[in-house]
Amino acid sequence: MEIDLIIFDLDGTLVNSIPDLTDSLNHVAKIHNKPTIDEMRVTGLVGSGITKLLEDVFNISQHQSIFAGYFNKFMEHHEQNYSNRSHLYNNTIDILDYFKSKKLAILSNKIDFLTKQVAKDFNIDNYFDIILGATNELAKKPSGEPINHILKRLNILPSKAIMVGDSEHDIMCAKNAGIVSVALTSGYRLSKQLKLYSPDYIIDDLSELKSIVQ
């Protein structure tokens, strides 16, 4: 497949951030005398952004008055501890090097400034033409809006772009924007979960992109 642009999800695709997310959630849990949470449960809940993650973990709504306290304590901790135990997946650098002649982008539901900072801290920011996280200006995945924004900025046709990610949000985001979806099973979702959303391709390792994209 001849492709000009590869859009990558960040967490669960290029970076394993579960350990640091779990630490920050448990920091908040201790403050509010709530039960701690393990990494496996966090893995099953991530993908829709910090607000939804906090809602699900602590069984509260963002519309409740207490939510701001949970959110602020999480952010205070996470902004200082988001790369303590997180790490790049083994094939991240190899695949970015392999495709560096193409346009590359990151699209994440992680807050925008953290998305950019994580990419910088792990020394992968220079590979990308655009690094885009969650903002107030654009809808988050699974909306196709952020992909359409990236396509417009880079002047790329939908037929010449793919989205690579490990969650249902990535698959549906690609479908909603009319581009090819590649689901990665080595991240935070099982293969059987991803198949329910009918991605165009399913791969078990990032290296398999080499056999899909020319």
N, C-alpha and C. Protein backbone atom coordinates (compact mmCIF):
# COMPACT_ATOMS: atom_id res chain seq x y z
N MET A 1 0.84 -1.19 0.00
CA MET A 1 0.00 0.00 0.00
C MET A 1 0.88 1.25 0.00
N GLU A 2 0.61 2.14 -0.96
CA GLU A 2 1.38 3.37 -1.04
C GLU A 2 0.76 4.41 -0.11
N ILE A 3 1.51 4.79 0.91
CA ILE A 3 1.03 5.69 1.96
C ILE A 3 2.02 6.84 2.12
N ASP A 4 1.48 8.05 2.27
CA ASP A 4 2.32 9.23 2.50
C ASP A 4 2.40 9.63 3.97
N LEU A 5 1.38 9.25 4.74
CA LEU A 5 1.30 9.68 6.14
C LEU A 5 0.90 8.51 7.04
N ILE A 6 1.67 8.30 8.09
CA ILE A 6 1.32 7.32 9.13
C ILE A 6 1.04 8.08 10.42
N ILE A 7 -0.17 7.92 10.94
CA ILE A 7 -0.55 8.54 12.21
C ILE A 7 -0.51 7.46 13.29
N PHE A 8 0.27 7.70 14.33
CA PHE A 8 0.40 6.75 15.42
C PHE A 8 -0.33 7.24 16.67
N ASP A 9 -1.02 6.34 17.32
CA ASP A 9 -1.42 6.58 18.70
C ASP A 9 -0.14 6.61 19.53
N LEU A 10 -0.22 7.11 20.76
CA LEU A 10 0.97 7.18 21.62
C LEU A 10 0.98 6.07 22.67
N ASP A 11 0.10 6.17 23.66
CA ASP A 11 0.09 5.20 24.75
C ASP A 11 -0.45 3.85 24.29
N GLY A 12 0.31 2.81 24.54
CA GLY A 12 -0.08 1.48 24.11
C GLY A 12 0.37 1.14 22.71
N THR A 13 0.90 2.12 22.00
CA THR A 13 1.37 1.92 20.63
C THR A 13 2.87 2.19 20.51
N LEU A 14 3.29 3.37 20.93
CA LEU A 14 4.71 3.72 20.93
C LEU A 14 5.32 3.65 22.32
N VAL A 15 4.51 3.96 23.33
CA VAL A 15 4.97 4.06 24.71
C VAL A 15 4.05 3.26 25.63
N ASN A 16 4.65 2.52 26.57
CA ASN A 16 3.87 1.89 27.63
C ASN A 16 3.86 2.84 28.82
N SER A 17 2.73 3.49 29.05
CA SER A 17 2.62 4.49 30.11
C SER A 17 1.84 3.99 31.32
N ILE A 18 1.41 2.74 31.30
CA ILE A 18 0.56 2.20 32.36
C ILE A 18 1.19 2.32 33.76
N PRO A 19 2.47 2.01 33.93
CA PRO A 19 3.03 2.10 35.29
C PRO A 19 2.89 3.48 35.93
N ASP A 20 3.17 4.53 35.16
CA ASP A 20 3.10 5.89 35.73
C ASP A 20 1.65 6.35 35.91
N LEU A 21 0.77 5.96 35.00
CA LEU A 21 -0.65 6.28 35.19
C LEU A 21 -1.17 5.62 36.47
N THR A 22 -0.79 4.38 36.67
CA THR A 22 -1.22 3.65 37.86
C THR A 22 -0.71 4.32 39.13
N ASP A 23 0.55 4.74 39.12
CA ASP A 23 1.13 5.40 40.30
C ASP A 23 0.37 6.69 40.62
N SER A 24 0.04 7.46 39.59
CA SER A 24 -0.67 8.72 39.82
C SER A 24 -2.09 8.49 40.30
N LEU A 25 -2.75 7.47 39.76
CA LEU A 25 -4.10 7.12 40.23
C LEU A 25 -4.08 6.67 41.68
N ASN A 26 -3.08 5.89 42.04
CA ASN A 26 -2.99 5.42 43.42
C ASN A 26 -2.59 6.52 44.39
N HIS A 27 -1.87 7.51 43.90
CA HIS A 27 -1.58 8.70 44.70
C HIS A 27 -2.89 9.40 45.08
N VAL A 28 -3.78 9.54 44.10
CA VAL A 28 -5.09 10.16 44.34
C VAL A 28 -5.94 9.27 45.24
N ALA A 29 -5.90 7.98 45.02
CA ALA A 29 -6.68 7.04 45.84
C ALA A 29 -6.32 7.15 47.32
N LYS A 30 -5.04 7.26 47.60
CA LYS A 30 -4.59 7.36 49.00
C LYS A 30 -5.07 8.67 49.63
N ILE A 31 -5.03 9.75 48.87
CA ILE A 31 -5.48 11.05 49.39
C ILE A 31 -6.95 10.99 49.77
N HIS A 32 -7.74 10.29 48.97
CA HIS A 32 -9.19 10.25 49.18
C HIS A 32 -9.66 8.97 49.87
N ASN A 33 -8.70 8.23 50.43
CA ASN A 33 -9.02 7.00 51.17
C ASN A 33 -9.84 6.02 50.33
N LYS A 34 -9.43 5.86 49.08
CA LYS A 34 -10.06 4.93 48.16
C LYS A 34 -9.16 3.72 47.96
N PRO A 35 -9.71 2.57 47.55
CA PRO A 35 -8.88 1.40 47.28
C PRO A 35 -7.90 1.66 46.15
N THR A 36 -6.71 1.10 46.26
CA THR A 36 -5.74 1.24 45.18
C THR A 36 -6.15 0.37 44.00
N ILE A 37 -5.55 0.63 42.87
CA ILE A 37 -5.89 -0.05 41.62
C ILE A 37 -4.63 -0.66 41.03
N ASP A 38 -4.76 -1.83 40.40
CA ASP A 38 -3.57 -2.45 39.83
C ASP A 38 -3.43 -2.11 38.34
N GLU A 39 -2.26 -2.40 37.79
CA GLU A 39 -1.95 -2.02 36.42
C GLU A 39 -2.85 -2.71 35.41
N MET A 40 -3.27 -3.94 35.70
CA MET A 40 -4.13 -4.66 34.76
C MET A 40 -5.46 -3.94 34.58
N ARG A 41 -6.03 -3.46 35.68
CA ARG A 41 -7.31 -2.75 35.56
C ARG A 41 -7.13 -1.43 34.83
N VAL A 42 -6.06 -0.72 35.12
CA VAL A 42 -5.79 0.53 34.42
C VAL A 42 -5.67 0.28 32.92
N THR A 43 -4.99 -0.80 32.55
CA THR A 43 -4.81 -1.14 31.14
C THR A 43 -6.14 -1.28 30.43
N GLY A 44 -7.13 -1.85 31.11
CA GLY A 44 -8.43 -2.05 30.50
C GLY A 44 -9.28 -0.79 30.41
N LEU A 45 -8.88 0.25 31.15
CA LEU A 45 -9.70 1.46 31.22
C LEU A 45 -9.16 2.62 30.39
N VAL A 46 -7.88 2.61 30.06
CA VAL A 46 -7.30 3.77 29.38
C VAL A 46 -7.76 3.87 27.93
N GLY A 47 -7.61 5.05 27.37
CA GLY A 47 -7.90 5.26 25.95
C GLY A 47 -8.79 6.43 25.66
N SER A 48 -9.56 6.87 26.65
CA SER A 48 -10.51 7.96 26.42
C SER A 48 -10.10 9.27 27.07
N GLY A 49 -8.88 9.33 27.59
CA GLY A 49 -8.41 10.55 28.25
C GLY A 49 -8.49 10.47 29.76
N ILE A 50 -7.85 11.44 30.42
CA ILE A 50 -7.74 11.44 31.87
C ILE A 50 -9.09 11.61 32.56
N THR A 51 -9.94 12.48 32.04
CA THR A 51 -11.24 12.71 32.67
C THR A 51 -12.04 11.42 32.77
N LYS A 52 -12.14 10.69 31.66
CA LYS A 52 -12.90 9.44 31.64
C LYS A 52 -12.24 8.39 32.52
N LEU A 53 -10.92 8.37 32.54
CA LEU A 53 -10.19 7.41 33.37
C LEU A 53 -10.50 7.64 34.85
N LEU A 54 -10.47 8.89 35.28
CA LEU A 54 -10.79 9.21 36.67
C LEU A 54 -12.24 8.88 37.00
N GLU A 55 -13.14 9.15 36.07
CA GLU A 55 -14.54 8.81 36.28
C GLU A 55 -14.71 7.31 36.51
N ASP A 56 -14.05 6.52 35.69
CA ASP A 56 -14.21 5.07 35.76
C ASP A 56 -13.53 4.47 36.99
N VAL A 57 -12.35 4.95 37.30
CA VAL A 57 -11.61 4.39 38.44
C VAL A 57 -12.29 4.72 39.76
N PHE A 58 -12.76 5.95 39.90
CA PHE A 58 -13.29 6.40 41.19
C PHE A 58 -14.82 6.48 41.23
N ASN A 59 -15.45 6.06 40.13
CA ASN A 59 -16.91 6.02 40.06
C ASN A 59 -17.53 7.38 40.41
N ILE A 60 -16.99 8.40 39.77
CA ILE A 60 -17.50 9.75 39.95
C ILE A 60 -17.72 10.37 38.57
N SER A 61 -18.46 11.46 38.52
CA SER A 61 -18.72 12.16 37.27
C SER A 61 -17.98 13.49 37.24
N GLN A 62 -17.54 13.86 36.06
CA GLN A 62 -16.86 15.15 35.91
C GLN A 62 -17.78 16.31 36.27
N HIS A 63 -19.09 16.07 36.32
CA HIS A 63 -20.05 17.12 36.63
C HIS A 63 -20.28 17.27 38.15
N GLN A 64 -19.71 16.36 38.93
CA GLN A 64 -19.83 16.48 40.38
C GLN A 64 -18.82 17.50 40.90
N SER A 65 -19.18 18.16 41.99
CA SER A 65 -18.29 19.20 42.54
C SER A 65 -16.98 18.62 43.05
N ILE A 66 -16.98 17.34 43.44
CA ILE A 66 -15.76 16.75 43.98
C ILE A 66 -14.75 16.38 42.89
N PHE A 67 -15.21 16.37 41.63
CA PHE A 67 -14.34 15.87 40.56
C PHE A 67 -13.07 16.71 40.42
N ALA A 68 -13.20 18.02 40.55
CA ALA A 68 -12.04 18.90 40.38
C ALA A 68 -10.91 18.53 41.33
N GLY A 69 -11.25 18.14 42.55
CA GLY A 69 -10.24 17.76 43.52
C GLY A 69 -9.46 16.53 43.06
N TYR A 70 -10.18 15.54 42.54
CA TYR A 70 -9.52 14.34 42.02
C TYR A 70 -8.64 14.67 40.82
N PHE A 71 -9.20 15.45 39.91
CA PHE A 71 -8.46 15.79 38.69
C PHE A 71 -7.20 16.59 39.02
N ASN A 72 -7.33 17.59 39.87
CA ASN A 72 -6.19 18.44 40.17
C ASN A 72 -5.07 17.67 40.88
N LYS A 73 -5.43 16.80 41.81
CA LYS A 73 -4.42 16.01 42.52
C LYS A 73 -3.74 15.03 41.57
N PHE A 74 -4.53 14.47 40.64
CA PHE A 74 -3.92 13.58 39.65
C PHE A 74 -2.91 14.34 38.79
N MET A 75 -3.31 15.49 38.29
CA MET A 75 -2.44 16.25 37.39
C MET A 75 -1.20 16.76 38.12
N GLU A 76 -1.36 17.20 39.36
CA GLU A 76 -0.20 17.66 40.13
C GLU A 76 0.85 16.56 40.24
N HIS A 77 0.38 15.35 40.48
CA HIS A 77 1.31 14.23 40.61
C HIS A 77 1.86 13.79 39.25
N HIS A 78 0.96 13.66 38.27
CA HIS A 78 1.35 13.08 36.99
C HIS A 78 2.28 13.99 36.19
N GLU A 79 2.09 15.29 36.33
CA GLU A 79 2.96 16.22 35.61
C GLU A 79 4.41 16.11 36.05
N GLN A 80 4.62 15.60 37.26
CA GLN A 80 5.98 15.44 37.78
C GLN A 80 6.48 14.00 37.69
N ASN A 81 5.58 13.07 37.33
CA ASN A 81 5.94 11.65 37.42
C ASN A 81 5.44 10.82 36.24
N TYR A 82 5.30 11.44 35.06
CA TYR A 82 4.71 10.72 33.93
C TYR A 82 5.71 9.89 33.15
N SER A 83 7.00 10.01 33.45
CA SER A 83 7.99 9.21 32.72
C SER A 83 8.96 8.48 33.65
N ASN A 84 8.54 8.27 34.88
CA ASN A 84 9.39 7.55 35.83
C ASN A 84 9.58 6.09 35.42
N ARG A 85 8.46 5.42 35.13
CA ARG A 85 8.50 3.99 34.83
C ARG A 85 7.94 3.66 33.45
N SER A 86 7.45 4.65 32.74
CA SER A 86 7.01 4.44 31.37
C SER A 86 8.22 4.16 30.48
N HIS A 87 7.98 3.54 29.34
CA HIS A 87 9.10 3.22 28.44
C HIS A 87 8.60 3.02 27.02
N LEU A 88 9.50 3.25 26.07
CA LEU A 88 9.19 2.97 24.68
C LEU A 88 9.09 1.45 24.49
N TYR A 89 8.21 1.03 23.61
CA TYR A 89 8.18 -0.38 23.24
C TYR A 89 9.44 -0.71 22.42
N ASN A 90 9.79 -1.99 22.40
CA ASN A 90 11.07 -2.42 21.81
C ASN A 90 11.27 -1.96 20.37
N ASN A 91 10.21 -2.00 19.55
CA ASN A 91 10.37 -1.72 18.13
C ASN A 91 10.02 -0.29 17.74
N THR A 92 9.78 0.57 18.73
CA THR A 92 9.36 1.94 18.41
C THR A 92 10.40 2.68 17.58
N ILE A 93 11.63 2.73 18.04
CA ILE A 93 12.67 3.48 17.32
C ILE A 93 12.93 2.86 15.96
N ASP A 94 12.96 1.54 15.88
CA ASP A 94 13.21 0.87 14.61
C ASP A 94 12.17 1.24 13.57
N ILE A 95 10.90 1.25 13.96
CA ILE A 95 9.85 1.52 12.98
C ILE A 95 9.82 3.00 12.60
N LEU A 96 10.15 3.88 13.54
CA LEU A 96 10.21 5.31 13.22
C LEU A 96 11.38 5.61 12.29
N ASP A 97 12.50 4.95 12.50
CA ASP A 97 13.65 5.10 11.60
C ASP A 97 13.31 4.59 10.20
N TYR A 98 12.63 3.46 10.16
CA TYR A 98 12.31 2.82 8.88
C TYR A 98 11.41 3.72 8.01
N PHE A 99 10.48 4.41 8.67
CA PHE A 99 9.52 5.22 7.92
C PHE A 99 9.80 6.72 8.00
N LYS A 100 11.01 7.10 8.35
CA LYS A 100 11.28 8.52 8.57
C LYS A 100 11.21 9.36 7.29
N SER A 101 11.21 8.71 6.12
CA SER A 101 11.09 9.46 4.87
C SER A 101 9.64 9.87 4.59
N LYS A 102 8.69 9.31 5.34
CA LYS A 102 7.29 9.64 5.17
C LYS A 102 6.87 10.71 6.17
N LYS A 103 5.69 11.26 5.97
CA LYS A 103 5.11 12.13 6.98
C LYS A 103 4.64 11.27 8.14
N LEU A 104 4.95 11.69 9.35
CA LEU A 104 4.56 10.95 10.55
C LEU A 104 3.87 11.89 11.52
N ALA A 105 2.87 11.36 12.22
CA ALA A 105 2.15 12.16 13.22
C ALA A 105 1.82 11.29 14.42
N ILE A 106 1.66 11.94 15.56
CA ILE A 106 1.12 11.31 16.77
C ILE A 106 -0.25 11.92 17.02
N LEU A 107 -1.23 11.07 17.29
CA LEU A 107 -2.56 11.54 17.70
C LEU A 107 -2.97 10.78 18.95
N SER A 108 -3.12 11.51 20.05
CA SER A 108 -3.42 10.89 21.34
C SER A 108 -4.60 11.56 22.00
N ASN A 109 -5.29 10.82 22.86
CA ASN A 109 -6.32 11.41 23.72
C ASN A 109 -5.72 11.91 25.03
N LYS A 110 -4.43 11.74 25.20
CA LYS A 110 -3.73 12.33 26.35
C LYS A 110 -3.72 13.84 26.18
N ILE A 111 -3.79 14.57 27.27
CA ILE A 111 -3.76 16.03 27.21
C ILE A 111 -2.59 16.50 26.33
N ASP A 112 -2.83 17.52 25.51
CA ASP A 112 -1.89 17.90 24.46
C ASP A 112 -0.48 18.20 24.97
N PHE A 113 -0.36 18.97 26.03
CA PHE A 113 0.99 19.34 26.47
C PHE A 113 1.74 18.13 27.01
N LEU A 114 1.03 17.17 27.61
CA LEU A 114 1.69 15.95 28.08
C LEU A 114 2.08 15.05 26.90
N THR A 115 1.23 14.99 25.89
CA THR A 115 1.55 14.22 24.69
C THR A 115 2.86 14.72 24.08
N LYS A 116 2.97 16.03 23.93
CA LYS A 116 4.18 16.61 23.36
C LYS A 116 5.39 16.40 24.26
N GLN A 117 5.18 16.51 25.58
CA GLN A 117 6.29 16.38 26.52
C GLN A 117 6.80 14.95 26.59
N VAL A 118 5.89 13.98 26.56
CA VAL A 118 6.30 12.57 26.57
C VAL A 118 7.15 12.26 25.33
N ALA A 119 6.69 12.70 24.17
CA ALA A 119 7.46 12.48 22.94
C ALA A 119 8.85 13.11 23.04
N LYS A 120 8.91 14.28 23.63
CA LYS A 120 10.20 14.96 23.79
C LYS A 120 11.10 14.23 24.79
N ASP A 121 10.53 13.81 25.91
CA ASP A 121 11.32 13.14 26.95
C ASP A 121 11.90 11.82 26.48
N PHE A 122 11.19 11.15 25.58
CA PHE A 122 11.68 9.87 25.06
C PHE A 122 12.44 10.03 23.74
N ASN A 123 12.72 11.30 23.40
CA ASN A 123 13.56 11.61 22.24
C ASN A 123 13.01 11.08 20.91
N ILE A 124 11.69 11.13 20.77
CA ILE A 124 11.10 10.73 19.49
C ILE A 124 10.38 11.89 18.82
N ASP A 125 10.35 13.05 19.45
CA ASP A 125 9.58 14.18 18.91
C ASP A 125 10.05 14.63 17.53
N ASN A 126 11.35 14.49 17.26
CA ASN A 126 11.88 14.97 15.99
C ASN A 126 11.48 14.12 14.79
N TYR A 127 10.93 12.95 15.04
CA TYR A 127 10.46 12.10 13.93
C TYR A 127 9.14 12.61 13.33
N PHE A 128 8.43 13.45 14.07
CA PHE A 128 7.03 13.72 13.72
C PHE A 128 6.82 15.13 13.16
N ASP A 129 5.98 15.19 12.13
CA ASP A 129 5.58 16.47 11.55
C ASP A 129 4.54 17.15 12.42
N ILE A 130 3.69 16.36 13.06
CA ILE A 130 2.66 16.87 13.97
C ILE A 130 2.55 15.94 15.17
N ILE A 131 2.49 16.53 16.36
CA ILE A 131 2.19 15.78 17.58
C ILE A 131 0.97 16.45 18.20
N LEU A 132 -0.13 15.71 18.27
CA LEU A 132 -1.40 16.31 18.68
C LEU A 132 -2.06 15.47 19.77
N GLY A 133 -2.31 16.11 20.90
CA GLY A 133 -3.06 15.48 21.98
C GLY A 133 -4.43 16.12 22.11
N ALA A 134 -5.09 15.85 23.22
CA ALA A 134 -6.44 16.36 23.44
C ALA A 134 -6.41 17.87 23.70
N THR A 135 -7.25 18.59 22.98
CA THR A 135 -7.39 20.04 23.16
C THR A 135 -8.87 20.40 23.23
N ASN A 136 -9.13 21.62 23.64
CA ASN A 136 -10.52 22.10 23.67
C ASN A 136 -11.04 22.45 22.28
N GLU A 137 -10.12 22.59 21.33
CA GLU A 137 -10.51 23.03 19.99
C GLU A 137 -11.00 21.90 19.10
N LEU A 138 -10.56 20.67 19.36
CA LEU A 138 -10.90 19.54 18.51
C LEU A 138 -11.52 18.43 19.35
N ALA A 139 -12.46 17.70 18.75
CA ALA A 139 -13.01 16.53 19.40
C ALA A 139 -11.93 15.46 19.54
N LYS A 140 -12.07 14.61 20.54
CA LYS A 140 -11.11 13.53 20.75
C LYS A 140 -11.49 12.31 19.92
N LYS A 141 -10.54 11.39 19.78
CA LYS A 141 -10.88 10.08 19.23
C LYS A 141 -11.99 9.47 20.09
N PRO A 142 -13.00 8.82 19.50
CA PRO A 142 -13.07 8.26 18.15
C PRO A 142 -13.59 9.20 17.05
N SER A 143 -13.81 10.47 17.36
CA SER A 143 -14.19 11.40 16.30
C SER A 143 -13.11 11.44 15.23
N GLY A 144 -13.52 11.61 13.99
CA GLY A 144 -12.55 11.74 12.91
C GLY A 144 -11.99 13.14 12.78
N GLU A 145 -12.48 14.07 13.59
CA GLU A 145 -12.07 15.48 13.48
C GLU A 145 -10.56 15.70 13.62
N PRO A 146 -9.90 15.09 14.62
CA PRO A 146 -8.46 15.36 14.73
C PRO A 146 -7.66 14.81 13.56
N ILE A 147 -8.07 13.68 12.99
CA ILE A 147 -7.38 13.18 11.80
C ILE A 147 -7.60 14.11 10.63
N ASN A 148 -8.82 14.58 10.46
CA ASN A 148 -9.09 15.54 9.37
C ASN A 148 -8.24 16.79 9.52
N HIS A 149 -8.05 17.22 10.76
CA HIS A 149 -7.21 18.38 11.05
C HIS A 149 -5.76 18.12 10.62
N ILE A 150 -5.26 16.93 10.95
CA ILE A 150 -3.88 16.57 10.58
C ILE A 150 -3.74 16.48 9.06
N LEU A 151 -4.70 15.84 8.39
CA LEU A 151 -4.66 15.72 6.93
C LEU A 151 -4.63 17.09 6.27
N LYS A 152 -5.45 18.01 6.78
CA LYS A 152 -5.50 19.35 6.19
C LYS A 152 -4.18 20.09 6.40
N ARG A 153 -3.64 20.00 7.59
CA ARG A 153 -2.38 20.71 7.88
C ARG A 153 -1.23 20.19 7.02
N LEU A 154 -1.22 18.88 6.76
CA LEU A 154 -0.11 18.29 6.00
C LEU A 154 -0.43 18.12 4.51
N ASN A 155 -1.65 18.52 4.12
CA ASN A 155 -2.07 18.45 2.72
C ASN A 155 -1.96 17.01 2.19
N ILE A 156 -2.53 16.08 2.95
CA ILE A 156 -2.51 14.67 2.60
C ILE A 156 -3.94 14.20 2.32
N LEU A 157 -4.12 13.44 1.25
CA LEU A 157 -5.42 12.86 0.95
C LEU A 157 -5.73 11.71 1.90
N PRO A 158 -7.00 11.50 2.27
CA PRO A 158 -7.34 10.38 3.14
C PRO A 158 -6.88 9.03 2.60
N SER A 159 -6.88 8.88 1.29
CA SER A 159 -6.47 7.61 0.68
C SER A 159 -4.98 7.33 0.83
N LYS A 160 -4.23 8.34 1.26
CA LYS A 160 -2.78 8.20 1.40
C LYS A 160 -2.34 8.19 2.87
N ALA A 161 -3.28 7.93 3.78
CA ALA A 161 -2.95 7.97 5.21
C ALA A 161 -3.47 6.73 5.91
N ILE A 162 -2.78 6.35 6.99
CA ILE A 162 -3.26 5.27 7.85
C ILE A 162 -3.13 5.71 9.31
N MET A 163 -3.96 5.08 10.16
CA MET A 163 -3.89 5.28 11.60
C MET A 163 -3.50 3.97 12.24
N VAL A 164 -2.48 4.01 13.09
CA VAL A 164 -2.00 2.82 13.79
C VAL A 164 -2.22 3.02 15.28
N GLY A 165 -2.98 2.12 15.89
CA GLY A 165 -3.23 2.25 17.32
C GLY A 165 -3.68 0.95 17.94
N ASP A 166 -3.78 0.95 19.26
CA ASP A 166 -4.04 -0.29 20.00
C ASP A 166 -5.44 -0.35 20.58
N SER A 167 -6.31 0.59 20.23
CA SER A 167 -7.63 0.61 20.88
C SER A 167 -8.75 0.80 19.87
N GLU A 168 -9.96 0.56 20.37
CA GLU A 168 -11.15 0.77 19.55
C GLU A 168 -11.29 2.23 19.13
N HIS A 169 -10.81 3.15 19.97
CA HIS A 169 -10.89 4.57 19.64
C HIS A 169 -10.07 4.90 18.39
N ASP A 170 -8.92 4.25 18.25
CA ASP A 170 -8.07 4.48 17.09
C ASP A 170 -8.72 3.94 15.82
N ILE A 171 -9.29 2.75 15.92
CA ILE A 171 -9.96 2.16 14.76
C ILE A 171 -11.12 3.02 14.29
N MET A 172 -11.97 3.43 15.23
CA MET A 172 -13.15 4.21 14.87
C MET A 172 -12.78 5.62 14.40
N CYS A 173 -11.74 6.17 14.97
CA CYS A 173 -11.25 7.49 14.53
C CYS A 173 -10.84 7.42 13.06
N ALA A 174 -10.10 6.37 12.71
CA ALA A 174 -9.68 6.20 11.32
C ALA A 174 -10.89 6.02 10.41
N LYS A 175 -11.82 5.16 10.81
CA LYS A 175 -13.02 4.94 9.99
C LYS A 175 -13.82 6.22 9.82
N ASN A 176 -13.95 6.98 10.89
CA ASN A 176 -14.73 8.23 10.82
C ASN A 176 -14.07 9.29 9.95
N ALA A 177 -12.75 9.16 9.77
CA ALA A 177 -12.03 10.11 8.90
C ALA A 177 -11.83 9.55 7.50
N GLY A 178 -12.24 8.30 7.27
CA GLY A 178 -12.12 7.72 5.94
C GLY A 178 -10.72 7.27 5.57
N ILE A 179 -9.90 6.91 6.58
CA ILE A 179 -8.56 6.41 6.29
C ILE A 179 -8.43 4.96 6.76
N VAL A 180 -7.37 4.31 6.35
CA VAL A 180 -7.13 2.91 6.71
C VAL A 180 -6.76 2.80 8.18
N SER A 181 -7.32 1.77 8.83
CA SER A 181 -7.03 1.54 10.25
C SER A 181 -6.16 0.30 10.43
N VAL A 182 -5.15 0.42 11.26
CA VAL A 182 -4.27 -0.70 11.60
C VAL A 182 -4.32 -0.87 13.12
N ALA A 183 -4.85 -2.01 13.57
CA ALA A 183 -4.99 -2.29 15.00
C ALA A 183 -3.79 -3.10 15.48
N LEU A 184 -3.23 -2.67 16.59
CA LEU A 184 -2.04 -3.30 17.17
C LEU A 184 -2.41 -4.06 18.43
N THR A 185 -2.12 -5.36 18.46
CA THR A 185 -2.55 -6.20 19.58
C THR A 185 -1.57 -6.24 20.74
N SER A 186 -0.41 -5.62 20.59
CA SER A 186 0.61 -5.69 21.64
C SER A 186 0.47 -4.56 22.67
N GLY A 187 -0.60 -3.76 22.56
CA GLY A 187 -0.81 -2.66 23.48
C GLY A 187 -1.76 -3.01 24.60
N TYR A 188 -2.83 -2.20 24.75
CA TYR A 188 -3.70 -2.31 25.92
C TYR A 188 -4.99 -3.09 25.66
N ARG A 189 -5.21 -3.58 24.44
CA ARG A 189 -6.43 -4.32 24.13
C ARG A 189 -6.08 -5.68 23.52
N LEU A 190 -6.93 -6.67 23.79
CA LEU A 190 -6.74 -8.00 23.23
C LEU A 190 -7.19 -8.03 21.79
N SER A 191 -6.65 -8.97 21.03
CA SER A 191 -7.00 -9.11 19.63
C SER A 191 -8.51 -9.29 19.44
N LYS A 192 -9.14 -10.11 20.30
CA LYS A 192 -10.57 -10.37 20.15
C LYS A 192 -11.40 -9.11 20.38
N GLN A 193 -10.91 -8.20 21.23
CA GLN A 193 -11.60 -6.93 21.45
C GLN A 193 -11.50 -6.04 20.21
N LEU A 194 -10.32 -5.99 19.62
CA LEU A 194 -10.10 -5.13 18.46
C LEU A 194 -10.85 -5.63 17.23
N LYS A 195 -10.96 -6.95 17.08
CA LYS A 195 -11.65 -7.51 15.91
C LYS A 195 -13.12 -7.10 15.86
N LEU A 196 -13.70 -6.81 17.01
CA LEU A 196 -15.11 -6.40 17.05
C LEU A 196 -15.35 -5.12 16.26
N TYR A 197 -14.30 -4.32 16.06
CA TYR A 197 -14.44 -3.03 15.38
C TYR A 197 -13.97 -3.09 13.93
N SER A 198 -13.65 -4.27 13.45
CA SER A 198 -13.34 -4.52 12.03
C SER A 198 -12.27 -3.57 11.46
N PRO A 199 -11.09 -3.55 12.07
CA PRO A 199 -10.01 -2.74 11.47
C PRO A 199 -9.61 -3.30 10.12
N ASP A 200 -9.00 -2.49 9.29
CA ASP A 200 -8.55 -2.95 7.98
C ASP A 200 -7.42 -3.97 8.11
N TYR A 201 -6.56 -3.75 9.09
CA TYR A 201 -5.46 -4.68 9.35
C TYR A 201 -5.34 -4.89 10.86
N ILE A 202 -4.91 -6.08 11.24
CA ILE A 202 -4.55 -6.35 12.63
C ILE A 202 -3.11 -6.86 12.64
N ILE A 203 -2.26 -6.24 13.45
CA ILE A 203 -0.87 -6.68 13.56
C ILE A 203 -0.54 -6.93 15.03
N ASP A 204 0.39 -7.84 15.24
CA ASP A 204 0.80 -8.19 16.60
C ASP A 204 2.05 -7.44 17.04
N ASP A 205 2.71 -6.81 16.10
CA ASP A 205 3.96 -6.10 16.39
C ASP A 205 4.11 -4.95 15.40
N LEU A 206 4.66 -3.84 15.85
CA LEU A 206 4.85 -2.69 14.97
C LEU A 206 5.68 -3.02 13.74
N SER A 207 6.60 -3.98 13.87
CA SER A 207 7.46 -4.31 12.73
C SER A 207 6.66 -4.81 11.53
N GLU A 208 5.45 -5.33 11.76
CA GLU A 208 4.62 -5.82 10.66
C GLU A 208 4.13 -4.70 9.75
N LEU A 209 4.25 -3.46 10.18
CA LEU A 209 3.88 -2.33 9.32
C LEU A 209 4.72 -2.33 8.04
N LYS A 210 5.93 -2.87 8.13
CA LYS A 210 6.83 -2.88 6.97
C LYS A 210 6.26 -3.69 5.81
N SER A 211 5.42 -4.66 6.13
CA SER A 211 4.84 -5.49 5.08
C SER A 211 3.51 -4.91 4.56
N ILE A 212 3.02 -3.86 5.21
CA ILE A 212 1.76 -3.23 4.80
C ILE A 212 1.99 -1.94 4.02
N VAL A 213 2.93 -1.14 4.49
CA VAL A 213 3.15 0.20 3.92
C VAL A 213 4.39 0.20 3.04
N GLN A 214 4.23 0.71 1.82
CA GLN A 214 5.35 0.86 0.92
C GLN A 214 5.99 2.23 1.07
